[in-house]
Amino acid sequence: MEKFIEYVLQFGILNQQQIDLIKSKAKETELHREEFYWEAGKTVRQIGFLTEGVIRVFYYNNKSEEITRYFIDENHLILSGNTVDEVYTPSEYLSAITECKLVVFSKQDWKDISNTIIGWDSIVQKIITKHHSEKITRRSELVSQNAKERYLDFIQKFPTLANRVPLSYIASYLGITQSSLSRIRKNIR
């Protein structure tokens, strides 16, 4: 819980009463390896913040192959839809790669916080903007790089993920086969 509060305070000022309200609405939970945070086709009813672990965002292509879109690691907000009122049914899966700890809020509790704390929406918007910018930067560079450059860029930007995420998921994220990734890793050692 404290990690979430510390993170939020980087984007705005909250008094103790507001912090206490947030804490009263939040629940701490765990996800075990391979457990879903959400599944494609099932309505999402919560908002989360990952305090420990790694979650993989993936979908199935038209050949029924799993395609990794990106990874969510510590200190990331997991929102559902464009607004808290929106009924959100994702087309992707979020699955724990490692043991994970999260702070979660029901959509109603999140809405209550938003309606009570002046400036909460501004804080959340700053967080969303930061995460969105990071995601775009990660994905846009992958398009213009060859496989080796993509892998080197990945381990430079995400040094902690390289040893926590299975190679098959990294290969999928980079858009290459696992055998190609193994060759690249062998050649750069």
N, C-alpha and C. Protein backbone atom coordinates (compact mmCIF):
# COMPACT_ATOMS: atom_id res chain seq x y z
N MET A 1 0.82 -1.20 0.00
CA MET A 1 0.00 0.00 0.00
C MET A 1 0.86 1.26 0.00
N GLU A 2 1.92 1.21 0.80
CA GLU A 2 2.78 2.39 0.90
C GLU A 2 3.45 2.71 -0.44
N LYS A 3 3.79 1.67 -1.20
CA LYS A 3 4.41 1.90 -2.52
C LYS A 3 3.46 2.66 -3.43
N PHE A 4 2.18 2.31 -3.36
CA PHE A 4 1.19 3.01 -4.18
C PHE A 4 1.08 4.48 -3.77
N ILE A 5 0.99 4.72 -2.49
CA ILE A 5 0.87 6.10 -2.00
C ILE A 5 2.12 6.90 -2.38
N GLU A 6 3.30 6.32 -2.18
CA GLU A 6 4.54 7.02 -2.55
C GLU A 6 4.56 7.35 -4.04
N TYR A 7 4.10 6.41 -4.85
CA TYR A 7 4.09 6.63 -6.29
C TYR A 7 3.14 7.78 -6.66
N VAL A 8 1.94 7.75 -6.12
CA VAL A 8 0.94 8.78 -6.41
C VAL A 8 1.45 10.16 -6.00
N LEU A 9 2.14 10.24 -4.87
CA LEU A 9 2.63 11.52 -4.37
C LEU A 9 3.70 12.14 -5.27
N GLN A 10 4.25 11.37 -6.19
CA GLN A 10 5.19 11.94 -7.17
C GLN A 10 4.47 12.83 -8.18
N PHE A 11 3.14 12.67 -8.28
CA PHE A 11 2.37 13.36 -9.31
C PHE A 11 1.43 14.43 -8.74
N GLY A 12 1.37 14.55 -7.43
CA GLY A 12 0.51 15.55 -6.82
C GLY A 12 0.58 15.49 -5.31
N ILE A 13 -0.07 16.46 -4.68
CA ILE A 13 -0.04 16.57 -3.22
C ILE A 13 -1.36 16.06 -2.64
N LEU A 14 -1.25 15.24 -1.62
CA LEU A 14 -2.42 14.74 -0.90
C LEU A 14 -2.20 14.96 0.58
N ASN A 15 -3.27 15.32 1.30
CA ASN A 15 -3.14 15.44 2.75
C ASN A 15 -3.42 14.08 3.40
N GLN A 16 -3.21 13.98 4.69
CA GLN A 16 -3.35 12.70 5.39
C GLN A 16 -4.77 12.15 5.30
N GLN A 17 -5.75 13.02 5.37
CA GLN A 17 -7.14 12.58 5.28
C GLN A 17 -7.42 11.95 3.91
N GLN A 18 -6.87 12.54 2.86
CA GLN A 18 -7.05 12.00 1.51
C GLN A 18 -6.33 10.66 1.36
N ILE A 19 -5.14 10.58 1.93
CA ILE A 19 -4.38 9.32 1.89
C ILE A 19 -5.14 8.23 2.64
N ASP A 20 -5.71 8.58 3.78
CA ASP A 20 -6.48 7.61 4.55
C ASP A 20 -7.70 7.13 3.77
N LEU A 21 -8.36 8.03 3.04
CA LEU A 21 -9.50 7.64 2.21
C LEU A 21 -9.06 6.63 1.14
N ILE A 22 -7.96 6.92 0.47
CA ILE A 22 -7.44 6.01 -0.56
C ILE A 22 -7.14 4.64 0.05
N LYS A 23 -6.47 4.64 1.18
CA LYS A 23 -6.14 3.38 1.84
C LYS A 23 -7.39 2.60 2.25
N SER A 24 -8.43 3.31 2.65
CA SER A 24 -9.66 2.64 3.08
C SER A 24 -10.39 1.98 1.90
N LYS A 25 -10.18 2.48 0.71
CA LYS A 25 -10.85 1.95 -0.48
C LYS A 25 -10.05 0.86 -1.17
N ALA A 26 -8.77 0.79 -0.88
CA ALA A 26 -7.88 -0.15 -1.58
C ALA A 26 -7.85 -1.52 -0.90
N LYS A 27 -7.58 -2.51 -1.72
CA LYS A 27 -7.37 -3.86 -1.20
C LYS A 27 -6.05 -4.36 -1.78
N GLU A 28 -5.29 -5.05 -0.95
CA GLU A 28 -4.05 -5.64 -1.45
C GLU A 28 -4.34 -7.09 -1.82
N THR A 29 -3.81 -7.51 -2.94
CA THR A 29 -4.05 -8.86 -3.42
C THR A 29 -2.79 -9.42 -4.07
N GLU A 30 -2.80 -10.70 -4.33
CA GLU A 30 -1.67 -11.35 -4.98
C GLU A 30 -2.15 -12.12 -6.19
N LEU A 31 -1.27 -12.21 -7.17
CA LEU A 31 -1.49 -13.07 -8.33
C LEU A 31 -0.34 -14.06 -8.36
N HIS A 32 -0.66 -15.30 -8.60
CA HIS A 32 0.38 -16.32 -8.71
C HIS A 32 0.76 -16.49 -10.18
N ARG A 33 1.90 -17.07 -10.41
CA ARG A 33 2.39 -17.28 -11.78
C ARG A 33 1.28 -17.90 -12.64
N GLU A 34 1.16 -17.36 -13.85
CA GLU A 34 0.19 -17.83 -14.84
C GLU A 34 -1.26 -17.49 -14.49
N GLU A 35 -1.51 -16.84 -13.37
CA GLU A 35 -2.87 -16.44 -13.02
C GLU A 35 -3.22 -15.16 -13.77
N PHE A 36 -4.47 -15.05 -14.18
CA PHE A 36 -4.90 -13.89 -14.95
C PHE A 36 -5.32 -12.75 -14.04
N TYR A 37 -4.90 -11.55 -14.42
CA TYR A 37 -5.44 -10.34 -13.79
C TYR A 37 -6.75 -10.00 -14.50
N TRP A 38 -6.74 -10.11 -15.84
CA TRP A 38 -7.99 -10.08 -16.58
C TRP A 38 -7.85 -10.91 -17.83
N GLU A 39 -9.03 -11.30 -18.38
CA GLU A 39 -9.06 -12.17 -19.54
C GLU A 39 -9.89 -11.52 -20.64
N ALA A 40 -9.49 -11.79 -21.87
CA ALA A 40 -10.23 -11.28 -23.03
C ALA A 40 -11.68 -11.76 -22.95
N GLY A 41 -12.58 -10.85 -23.26
CA GLY A 41 -13.99 -11.20 -23.30
C GLY A 41 -14.71 -11.13 -21.96
N LYS A 42 -13.99 -10.89 -20.88
CA LYS A 42 -14.62 -10.81 -19.56
C LYS A 42 -14.55 -9.37 -19.06
N THR A 43 -15.67 -8.85 -18.61
CA THR A 43 -15.74 -7.46 -18.16
C THR A 43 -14.78 -7.21 -17.00
N VAL A 44 -14.05 -6.11 -17.10
CA VAL A 44 -13.10 -5.72 -16.05
C VAL A 44 -13.83 -4.85 -15.04
N ARG A 45 -13.67 -5.20 -13.77
CA ARG A 45 -14.39 -4.50 -12.71
C ARG A 45 -13.48 -3.84 -11.69
N GLN A 46 -12.18 -3.78 -11.98
CA GLN A 46 -11.26 -3.19 -11.01
C GLN A 46 -10.12 -2.44 -11.69
N ILE A 47 -9.49 -1.63 -10.90
CA ILE A 47 -8.31 -0.87 -11.30
C ILE A 47 -7.20 -1.31 -10.37
N GLY A 48 -6.02 -1.52 -10.91
CA GLY A 48 -4.95 -2.04 -10.09
C GLY A 48 -3.65 -1.26 -10.21
N PHE A 49 -2.79 -1.47 -9.25
CA PHE A 49 -1.45 -0.90 -9.26
C PHE A 49 -0.50 -2.02 -8.86
N LEU A 50 0.45 -2.33 -9.72
CA LEU A 50 1.38 -3.42 -9.48
C LEU A 50 2.52 -2.95 -8.59
N THR A 51 2.62 -3.54 -7.40
CA THR A 51 3.70 -3.16 -6.48
C THR A 51 4.88 -4.13 -6.55
N GLU A 52 4.63 -5.38 -6.93
CA GLU A 52 5.71 -6.37 -7.08
C GLU A 52 5.35 -7.33 -8.19
N GLY A 53 6.35 -7.66 -9.01
CA GLY A 53 6.16 -8.69 -10.02
C GLY A 53 6.09 -8.15 -11.44
N VAL A 54 5.79 -9.07 -12.36
CA VAL A 54 5.69 -8.75 -13.78
C VAL A 54 4.44 -9.41 -14.35
N ILE A 55 3.69 -8.63 -15.11
CA ILE A 55 2.49 -9.12 -15.79
C ILE A 55 2.72 -8.98 -17.29
N ARG A 56 2.25 -9.96 -18.04
CA ARG A 56 2.38 -9.93 -19.49
C ARG A 56 1.03 -9.62 -20.11
N VAL A 57 1.03 -8.71 -21.08
CA VAL A 57 -0.17 -8.39 -21.84
C VAL A 57 -0.03 -9.09 -23.19
N PHE A 58 -1.00 -9.95 -23.51
CA PHE A 58 -0.90 -10.69 -24.77
C PHE A 58 -2.28 -10.93 -25.37
N TYR A 59 -2.26 -11.35 -26.63
CA TYR A 59 -3.48 -11.71 -27.35
C TYR A 59 -3.16 -12.89 -28.26
N TYR A 60 -4.19 -13.44 -28.87
CA TYR A 60 -4.00 -14.52 -29.83
C TYR A 60 -4.25 -13.96 -31.23
N ASN A 61 -3.33 -14.23 -32.15
CA ASN A 61 -3.52 -13.78 -33.53
C ASN A 61 -4.45 -14.75 -34.27
N ASN A 62 -4.64 -14.53 -35.57
CA ASN A 62 -5.57 -15.36 -36.33
C ASN A 62 -5.05 -16.79 -36.56
N LYS A 63 -3.81 -17.06 -36.18
CA LYS A 63 -3.25 -18.41 -36.25
C LYS A 63 -3.24 -19.06 -34.87
N SER A 64 -3.92 -18.44 -33.91
CA SER A 64 -3.99 -18.91 -32.52
C SER A 64 -2.64 -18.92 -31.82
N GLU A 65 -1.73 -18.05 -32.27
CA GLU A 65 -0.43 -17.90 -31.61
C GLU A 65 -0.53 -16.78 -30.59
N GLU A 66 0.11 -16.98 -29.44
CA GLU A 66 0.15 -15.92 -28.43
C GLU A 66 1.14 -14.85 -28.87
N ILE A 67 0.71 -13.61 -28.85
CA ILE A 67 1.56 -12.48 -29.20
C ILE A 67 1.65 -11.56 -27.98
N THR A 68 2.86 -11.36 -27.49
CA THR A 68 3.08 -10.49 -26.33
C THR A 68 3.13 -9.05 -26.80
N ARG A 69 2.23 -8.22 -26.29
CA ARG A 69 2.22 -6.80 -26.64
C ARG A 69 3.22 -6.03 -25.80
N TYR A 70 3.21 -6.26 -24.49
CA TYR A 70 4.16 -5.59 -23.61
C TYR A 70 4.12 -6.22 -22.23
N PHE A 71 5.01 -5.75 -21.39
CA PHE A 71 5.10 -6.23 -20.02
C PHE A 71 4.79 -5.07 -19.08
N ILE A 72 4.15 -5.40 -17.97
CA ILE A 72 3.88 -4.41 -16.93
C ILE A 72 4.71 -4.83 -15.73
N ASP A 73 5.55 -3.92 -15.25
CA ASP A 73 6.34 -4.25 -14.07
C ASP A 73 5.95 -3.31 -12.94
N GLU A 74 6.72 -3.33 -11.89
CA GLU A 74 6.39 -2.58 -10.68
C GLU A 74 6.11 -1.10 -10.98
N ASN A 75 5.26 -0.53 -10.14
CA ASN A 75 4.89 0.89 -10.19
C ASN A 75 4.17 1.27 -11.47
N HIS A 76 3.24 0.42 -11.88
CA HIS A 76 2.40 0.75 -13.02
C HIS A 76 0.93 0.57 -12.66
N LEU A 77 0.15 1.54 -13.10
CA LEU A 77 -1.29 1.53 -12.90
C LEU A 77 -1.91 0.71 -14.02
N ILE A 78 -2.86 -0.15 -13.68
CA ILE A 78 -3.55 -0.97 -14.67
C ILE A 78 -5.00 -0.51 -14.69
N LEU A 79 -5.31 0.28 -15.70
CA LEU A 79 -6.65 0.86 -15.83
C LEU A 79 -7.48 0.04 -16.80
N SER A 80 -8.77 0.22 -16.73
CA SER A 80 -9.67 -0.50 -17.63
C SER A 80 -10.56 0.51 -18.36
N GLY A 81 -10.35 0.63 -19.66
CA GLY A 81 -11.16 1.53 -20.46
C GLY A 81 -10.73 2.97 -20.34
N ASN A 82 -11.44 3.82 -21.05
CA ASN A 82 -11.10 5.24 -21.09
C ASN A 82 -11.62 6.02 -19.90
N THR A 83 -12.74 5.56 -19.34
CA THR A 83 -13.30 6.22 -18.16
C THR A 83 -13.69 5.15 -17.16
N VAL A 84 -13.82 5.56 -15.92
CA VAL A 84 -14.17 4.62 -14.86
C VAL A 84 -15.62 4.13 -15.04
N ASP A 85 -16.45 4.90 -15.74
CA ASP A 85 -17.85 4.51 -15.95
C ASP A 85 -18.01 3.52 -17.10
N GLU A 86 -17.02 3.47 -17.97
CA GLU A 86 -17.10 2.62 -19.15
C GLU A 86 -17.09 1.14 -18.75
N VAL A 87 -17.99 0.37 -19.37
CA VAL A 87 -17.95 -1.07 -19.19
C VAL A 87 -16.87 -1.55 -20.15
N TYR A 88 -15.82 -2.11 -19.60
CA TYR A 88 -14.66 -2.46 -20.40
C TYR A 88 -14.52 -3.97 -20.51
N THR A 89 -14.55 -4.46 -21.74
CA THR A 89 -14.34 -5.87 -22.02
C THR A 89 -13.13 -5.96 -22.92
N PRO A 90 -11.99 -6.36 -22.38
CA PRO A 90 -10.75 -6.33 -23.15
C PRO A 90 -10.67 -7.43 -24.22
N SER A 91 -9.80 -7.19 -25.19
CA SER A 91 -9.52 -8.20 -26.21
C SER A 91 -8.17 -8.86 -25.94
N GLU A 92 -7.57 -8.52 -24.81
CA GLU A 92 -6.26 -9.04 -24.45
C GLU A 92 -6.32 -9.70 -23.08
N TYR A 93 -5.28 -10.45 -22.80
CA TYR A 93 -5.12 -11.12 -21.52
C TYR A 93 -4.00 -10.45 -20.74
N LEU A 94 -4.15 -10.36 -19.43
CA LEU A 94 -3.08 -9.93 -18.54
C LEU A 94 -2.83 -11.08 -17.59
N SER A 95 -1.62 -11.63 -17.67
CA SER A 95 -1.28 -12.82 -16.91
C SER A 95 0.02 -12.61 -16.15
N ALA A 96 0.06 -13.08 -14.91
CA ALA A 96 1.25 -12.93 -14.08
C ALA A 96 2.36 -13.84 -14.59
N ILE A 97 3.53 -13.27 -14.81
CA ILE A 97 4.71 -14.05 -15.18
C ILE A 97 5.42 -14.51 -13.91
N THR A 98 5.43 -13.63 -12.92
CA THR A 98 6.06 -13.93 -11.63
C THR A 98 4.99 -13.83 -10.56
N GLU A 99 5.34 -14.13 -9.35
CA GLU A 99 4.42 -13.87 -8.24
C GLU A 99 4.24 -12.35 -8.18
N CYS A 100 3.01 -11.90 -8.06
CA CYS A 100 2.73 -10.46 -8.10
C CYS A 100 1.94 -10.01 -6.88
N LYS A 101 2.17 -8.76 -6.51
CA LYS A 101 1.37 -8.11 -5.47
C LYS A 101 0.79 -6.85 -6.09
N LEU A 102 -0.49 -6.63 -5.83
CA LEU A 102 -1.18 -5.48 -6.38
C LEU A 102 -2.02 -4.79 -5.32
N VAL A 103 -2.24 -3.51 -5.55
CA VAL A 103 -3.23 -2.74 -4.81
C VAL A 103 -4.38 -2.57 -5.80
N VAL A 104 -5.58 -3.00 -5.42
CA VAL A 104 -6.71 -2.92 -6.34
C VAL A 104 -7.87 -2.13 -5.73
N PHE A 105 -8.62 -1.53 -6.64
CA PHE A 105 -9.80 -0.74 -6.28
C PHE A 105 -10.95 -1.21 -7.16
N SER A 106 -12.14 -1.33 -6.59
CA SER A 106 -13.30 -1.56 -7.43
C SER A 106 -13.52 -0.26 -8.22
N LYS A 107 -14.20 -0.37 -9.34
CA LYS A 107 -14.46 0.84 -10.12
C LYS A 107 -15.25 1.86 -9.30
N GLN A 108 -16.19 1.37 -8.50
CA GLN A 108 -16.98 2.29 -7.68
C GLN A 108 -16.12 2.99 -6.64
N ASP A 109 -15.21 2.27 -6.00
CA ASP A 109 -14.33 2.90 -5.01
C ASP A 109 -13.41 3.92 -5.67
N TRP A 110 -12.92 3.61 -6.88
CA TRP A 110 -12.07 4.54 -7.63
C TRP A 110 -12.87 5.81 -7.94
N LYS A 111 -14.13 5.61 -8.35
CA LYS A 111 -15.01 6.75 -8.65
C LYS A 111 -15.26 7.58 -7.40
N ASP A 112 -15.45 6.92 -6.25
CA ASP A 112 -15.66 7.63 -4.99
C ASP A 112 -14.44 8.49 -4.64
N ILE A 113 -13.25 7.93 -4.85
CA ILE A 113 -12.02 8.70 -4.60
C ILE A 113 -11.98 9.91 -5.51
N SER A 114 -12.29 9.70 -6.78
CA SER A 114 -12.29 10.78 -7.76
C SER A 114 -13.29 11.88 -7.40
N ASN A 115 -14.45 11.47 -6.92
CA ASN A 115 -15.49 12.44 -6.57
C ASN A 115 -15.20 13.17 -5.26
N THR A 116 -14.34 12.61 -4.42
CA THR A 116 -14.06 13.18 -3.10
C THR A 116 -12.80 14.03 -3.08
N ILE A 117 -11.75 13.56 -3.76
CA ILE A 117 -10.46 14.26 -3.71
C ILE A 117 -10.32 15.20 -4.90
N ILE A 118 -10.32 16.48 -4.59
CA ILE A 118 -10.11 17.48 -5.64
C ILE A 118 -8.67 17.33 -6.13
N GLY A 119 -8.50 17.21 -7.43
CA GLY A 119 -7.17 17.06 -8.00
C GLY A 119 -6.78 15.61 -8.27
N TRP A 120 -7.61 14.65 -7.82
CA TRP A 120 -7.29 13.23 -8.05
C TRP A 120 -7.22 12.91 -9.55
N ASP A 121 -8.20 13.42 -10.30
CA ASP A 121 -8.21 13.14 -11.74
C ASP A 121 -6.97 13.70 -12.42
N SER A 122 -6.49 14.83 -11.95
CA SER A 122 -5.27 15.42 -12.51
C SER A 122 -4.05 14.54 -12.22
N ILE A 123 -3.98 14.02 -11.01
CA ILE A 123 -2.89 13.12 -10.64
C ILE A 123 -2.92 11.87 -11.52
N VAL A 124 -4.11 11.29 -11.65
CA VAL A 124 -4.25 10.07 -12.46
C VAL A 124 -3.90 10.37 -13.92
N GLN A 125 -4.31 11.51 -14.42
CA GLN A 125 -4.01 11.86 -15.82
C GLN A 125 -2.50 11.99 -16.04
N LYS A 126 -1.79 12.54 -15.08
CA LYS A 126 -0.32 12.64 -15.19
C LYS A 126 0.31 11.25 -15.23
N ILE A 127 -0.20 10.34 -14.41
CA ILE A 127 0.31 8.96 -14.40
C ILE A 127 0.03 8.29 -15.74
N ILE A 128 -1.20 8.43 -16.24
CA ILE A 128 -1.58 7.83 -17.52
C ILE A 128 -0.70 8.38 -18.64
N THR A 129 -0.48 9.67 -18.66
CA THR A 129 0.35 10.30 -19.69
C THR A 129 1.77 9.74 -19.66
N LYS A 130 2.32 9.60 -18.47
CA LYS A 130 3.68 9.05 -18.32
C LYS A 130 3.74 7.63 -18.86
N HIS A 131 2.78 6.77 -18.46
CA HIS A 131 2.78 5.37 -18.89
C HIS A 131 2.54 5.25 -20.39
N HIS A 132 1.64 6.07 -20.91
CA HIS A 132 1.34 6.03 -22.34
C HIS A 132 2.57 6.42 -23.16
N SER A 133 3.25 7.44 -22.72
CA SER A 133 4.47 7.89 -23.41
C SER A 133 5.53 6.79 -23.39
N GLU A 134 5.70 6.13 -22.24
CA GLU A 134 6.66 5.02 -22.13
C GLU A 134 6.30 3.89 -23.10
N LYS A 135 5.01 3.56 -23.16
CA LYS A 135 4.56 2.46 -24.01
C LYS A 135 4.80 2.77 -25.49
N ILE A 136 4.49 3.99 -25.89
CA ILE A 136 4.70 4.39 -27.29
C ILE A 136 6.18 4.35 -27.64
N THR A 137 7.01 4.85 -26.75
CA THR A 137 8.45 4.85 -27.00
C THR A 137 8.96 3.42 -27.15
N ARG A 138 8.50 2.53 -26.30
CA ARG A 138 8.94 1.13 -26.37
C ARG A 138 8.56 0.51 -27.71
N ARG A 139 7.31 0.69 -28.12
CA ARG A 139 6.81 0.01 -29.31
C ARG A 139 7.34 0.65 -30.60
N SER A 140 7.42 1.96 -30.67
CA SER A 140 7.79 2.62 -31.92
C SER A 140 9.22 2.30 -32.33
N GLU A 141 10.11 2.13 -31.38
CA GLU A 141 11.49 1.82 -31.72
C GLU A 141 11.64 0.41 -32.26
N LEU A 142 10.76 -0.50 -31.86
CA LEU A 142 10.84 -1.88 -32.33
C LEU A 142 10.64 -1.98 -33.84
N VAL A 143 9.85 -1.08 -34.39
CA VAL A 143 9.52 -1.13 -35.82
C VAL A 143 10.74 -0.90 -36.70
N SER A 144 11.62 -0.02 -36.29
CA SER A 144 12.75 0.37 -37.15
C SER A 144 14.05 -0.39 -36.87
N GLN A 145 14.03 -1.33 -35.95
CA GLN A 145 15.26 -2.02 -35.58
C GLN A 145 15.27 -3.46 -36.08
N ASN A 146 16.50 -3.97 -36.33
CA ASN A 146 16.59 -5.40 -36.64
C ASN A 146 16.50 -6.18 -35.33
N ALA A 147 16.47 -7.51 -35.44
CA ALA A 147 16.24 -8.36 -34.27
C ALA A 147 17.30 -8.16 -33.19
N LYS A 148 18.56 -8.08 -33.58
CA LYS A 148 19.63 -7.91 -32.60
C LYS A 148 19.49 -6.56 -31.89
N GLU A 149 19.22 -5.50 -32.66
CA GLU A 149 19.06 -4.17 -32.07
C GLU A 149 17.87 -4.15 -31.11
N ARG A 150 16.78 -4.83 -31.48
CA ARG A 150 15.60 -4.87 -30.61
C ARG A 150 15.94 -5.54 -29.28
N TYR A 151 16.69 -6.65 -29.34
CA TYR A 151 17.05 -7.34 -28.11
C TYR A 151 18.00 -6.50 -27.26
N LEU A 152 19.02 -5.92 -27.89
CA LEU A 152 19.95 -5.08 -27.13
C LEU A 152 19.24 -3.89 -26.50
N ASP A 153 18.31 -3.31 -27.23
CA ASP A 153 17.51 -2.20 -26.72
C ASP A 153 16.65 -2.67 -25.54
N PHE A 154 16.07 -3.85 -25.67
CA PHE A 154 15.23 -4.41 -24.61
C PHE A 154 16.03 -4.59 -23.33
N ILE A 155 17.22 -5.20 -23.43
CA ILE A 155 17.99 -5.44 -22.19
C ILE A 155 18.57 -4.15 -21.62
N GLN A 156 18.76 -3.16 -22.47
CA GLN A 156 19.23 -1.86 -21.96
C GLN A 156 18.11 -1.14 -21.22
N LYS A 157 16.91 -1.14 -21.80
CA LYS A 157 15.79 -0.42 -21.20
C LYS A 157 15.14 -1.18 -20.05
N PHE A 158 15.19 -2.50 -20.10
CA PHE A 158 14.52 -3.32 -19.09
C PHE A 158 15.48 -4.36 -18.52
N PRO A 159 16.57 -3.92 -17.93
CA PRO A 159 17.57 -4.89 -17.44
C PRO A 159 17.01 -5.86 -16.41
N THR A 160 16.05 -5.41 -15.63
CA THR A 160 15.50 -6.31 -14.61
C THR A 160 14.53 -7.32 -15.20
N LEU A 161 13.95 -7.03 -16.35
CA LEU A 161 13.00 -7.96 -16.94
C LEU A 161 13.68 -9.12 -17.65
N ALA A 162 14.85 -8.88 -18.21
CA ALA A 162 15.51 -9.90 -19.03
C ALA A 162 15.70 -11.21 -18.28
N ASN A 163 15.92 -11.17 -16.98
CA ASN A 163 16.11 -12.38 -16.20
C ASN A 163 14.85 -12.87 -15.49
N ARG A 164 13.78 -12.11 -15.61
CA ARG A 164 12.54 -12.47 -14.91
C ARG A 164 11.47 -13.00 -15.86
N VAL A 165 11.67 -12.79 -17.15
CA VAL A 165 10.67 -13.13 -18.15
C VAL A 165 11.19 -14.28 -19.01
N PRO A 166 10.38 -15.32 -19.24
CA PRO A 166 10.82 -16.42 -20.10
C PRO A 166 11.20 -15.93 -21.50
N LEU A 167 12.19 -16.57 -22.08
CA LEU A 167 12.68 -16.18 -23.42
C LEU A 167 11.57 -16.22 -24.46
N SER A 168 10.66 -17.17 -24.35
CA SER A 168 9.58 -17.26 -25.34
C SER A 168 8.73 -15.99 -25.34
N TYR A 169 8.51 -15.40 -24.18
CA TYR A 169 7.72 -14.17 -24.10
C TYR A 169 8.50 -12.98 -24.64
N ILE A 170 9.79 -12.95 -24.35
CA ILE A 170 10.63 -11.87 -24.87
C ILE A 170 10.68 -11.95 -26.39
N ALA A 171 10.87 -13.15 -26.92
CA ALA A 171 10.91 -13.34 -28.37
C ALA A 171 9.60 -12.88 -29.00
N SER A 172 8.48 -13.24 -28.40
CA SER A 172 7.18 -12.82 -28.92
C SER A 172 7.04 -11.31 -28.90
N TYR A 173 7.46 -10.69 -27.82
CA TYR A 173 7.43 -9.22 -27.71
C TYR A 173 8.28 -8.57 -28.79
N LEU A 174 9.45 -9.15 -29.06
CA LEU A 174 10.37 -8.58 -30.05
C LEU A 174 9.98 -8.94 -31.48
N GLY A 175 9.02 -9.85 -31.65
CA GLY A 175 8.57 -10.23 -32.98
C GLY A 175 9.53 -11.17 -33.69
N ILE A 176 10.22 -12.01 -32.92
CA ILE A 176 11.16 -12.97 -33.50
C ILE A 176 10.90 -14.35 -32.90
N THR A 177 11.51 -15.37 -33.49
CA THR A 177 11.34 -16.71 -32.94
C THR A 177 12.25 -16.89 -31.74
N GLN A 178 11.92 -17.86 -30.93
CA GLN A 178 12.75 -18.13 -29.75
C GLN A 178 14.13 -18.62 -30.17
N SER A 179 14.22 -19.39 -31.26
CA SER A 179 15.54 -19.87 -31.71
C SER A 179 16.39 -18.70 -32.21
N SER A 180 15.77 -17.72 -32.87
CA SER A 180 16.52 -16.53 -33.30
C SER A 180 17.04 -15.76 -32.09
N LEU A 181 16.19 -15.64 -31.07
CA LEU A 181 16.61 -14.95 -29.86
C LEU A 181 17.77 -15.68 -29.19
N SER A 182 17.70 -17.00 -29.15
CA SER A 182 18.79 -17.78 -28.55
C SER A 182 20.10 -17.55 -29.30
N ARG A 183 20.05 -17.51 -30.64
CA ARG A 183 21.25 -17.24 -31.45
C ARG A 183 21.80 -15.86 -31.15
N ILE A 184 20.92 -14.88 -31.09
CA ILE A 184 21.36 -13.49 -30.81
C ILE A 184 22.02 -13.44 -29.45
N ARG A 185 21.42 -14.05 -28.44
CA ARG A 185 21.99 -14.04 -27.09
C ARG A 185 23.35 -14.73 -27.07
N LYS A 186 23.47 -15.83 -27.80
CA LYS A 186 24.72 -16.57 -27.83
C LYS A 186 25.83 -15.71 -28.48
N ASN A 187 25.48 -14.97 -29.52
CA ASN A 187 26.47 -14.19 -30.27
C ASN A 187 26.90 -12.91 -29.57
N ILE A 188 26.14 -12.42 -28.60
CA ILE A 188 26.53 -11.17 -27.94
C ILE A 188 27.22 -11.40 -26.61
N ARG A 189 27.37 -12.63 -26.19
CA ARG A 189 28.03 -12.91 -24.91
C ARG A 189 29.51 -12.78 -25.05
